[in-house]
Protein backbone atom coordinates (compact mmCIF):
# COMPACT_ATOMS: atom_id res chain seq x y z
CA MET A 1 -0.01 -0.05 -0.08
CA GLU A 2 1.53 3.40 -1.22
CA ASN A 3 0.86 6.74 0.54
CA SER A 4 0.65 9.74 -1.70
CA ILE A 5 1.63 13.32 -0.79
CA ASN A 6 0.68 16.17 -3.15
CA PHE A 7 3.35 18.82 -3.44
CA THR A 8 4.56 21.45 -6.02
CA LEU A 9 7.99 21.78 -7.60
CA LYS A 10 9.47 24.71 -9.46
CA PRO A 11 9.32 24.36 -13.29
CA GLY A 12 13.24 24.50 -13.20
CA THR A 13 13.28 21.59 -10.82
CA VAL A 14 10.65 19.56 -12.94
CA GLU A 15 13.06 20.04 -15.95
CA SER A 16 16.24 19.11 -14.11
CA LEU A 17 14.31 15.94 -12.93
CA GLN A 18 13.23 15.05 -16.46
CA ALA A 19 16.77 15.70 -17.72
CA TYR A 20 18.56 13.62 -15.18
CA SER A 21 16.09 10.89 -15.55
CA GLU A 22 16.88 10.53 -19.28
CA LEU A 23 20.60 10.98 -18.60
CA LEU A 24 20.70 8.38 -15.96
CA HIS A 25 17.91 6.07 -17.14
CA LYS A 26 16.08 6.29 -13.99
CA ASP A 27 12.74 6.65 -13.01
CA ILE A 28 11.69 10.14 -11.42
CA SER A 29 9.98 8.17 -8.60
CA MET A 30 13.27 6.38 -7.75
CA MET A 31 15.36 9.68 -8.00
CA MET A 32 13.10 11.44 -5.69
CA GLU A 33 13.19 8.46 -3.22
CA GLU A 34 17.08 8.50 -3.23
CA ALA A 35 17.31 12.02 -2.84
CA LEU A 36 14.97 12.05 0.26
CA GLU A 37 16.87 9.11 1.62
CA ALA A 38 20.25 11.07 1.33
CA TYR A 39 18.38 14.39 2.74
CA PHE A 40 16.97 12.26 5.82
CA ALA A 41 20.45 10.71 6.54
CA GLU A 42 22.03 14.11 6.36
CA VAL A 43 19.58 15.69 8.65
CA GLN A 44 19.81 12.77 11.17
CA LYS A 45 23.55 13.15 11.05
CA ARG A 46 23.46 16.92 11.74
CA LEU A 47 20.79 16.32 14.61
CA LEU A 48 22.98 13.62 16.19
CA GLU A 49 26.12 16.22 16.05
CA LYS A 50 23.95 18.83 17.69
CA ASN A 51 22.78 16.58 20.22
CA MET A 52 26.36 15.44 21.10
CA ALA A 53 27.46 19.17 21.07
CA ASP A 54 24.77 20.16 23.50
CA GLU A 55 25.31 17.37 25.65
CA ASN A 56 29.18 18.16 25.64
CA ALA A 57 28.29 21.75 26.46
CA MET A 58 26.58 20.66 29.60
CA THR A 59 29.69 18.32 30.77
CA ASN A 60 32.58 20.40 29.62
CA LEU A 61 33.90 21.41 33.26
CA ASP A 62 37.29 20.40 34.30
CA TYR A 63 37.81 18.68 37.65
CA ASP A 64 38.41 21.81 39.71
CA GLU A 65 35.49 23.62 38.11
CA PHE A 66 33.04 20.77 38.91
CA TRP A 67 34.12 20.39 42.63
CA ASP A 68 34.70 24.25 43.20
CA GLY A 69 32.84 25.18 46.34
CA VAL A 70 32.06 21.75 47.46
CA GLU A 71 33.37 20.74 50.95
CA PHE A 72 34.67 17.37 51.72
């Protein structure tokens, strides 16, 4: 069962899709699927990097800074 989504592309994008489809001998749907998979992988990579950076920002104190003011 396939889901469908309606969306609009600029005329130049449609022309590029048609040209690359002919050049690469690929179906436009397959090209769109591949492009979206690459986009999603890139976005996921950036989100993971951002989450790691945010996590590191919360834990970047050195030993002395962390224990400053704590009495033993």
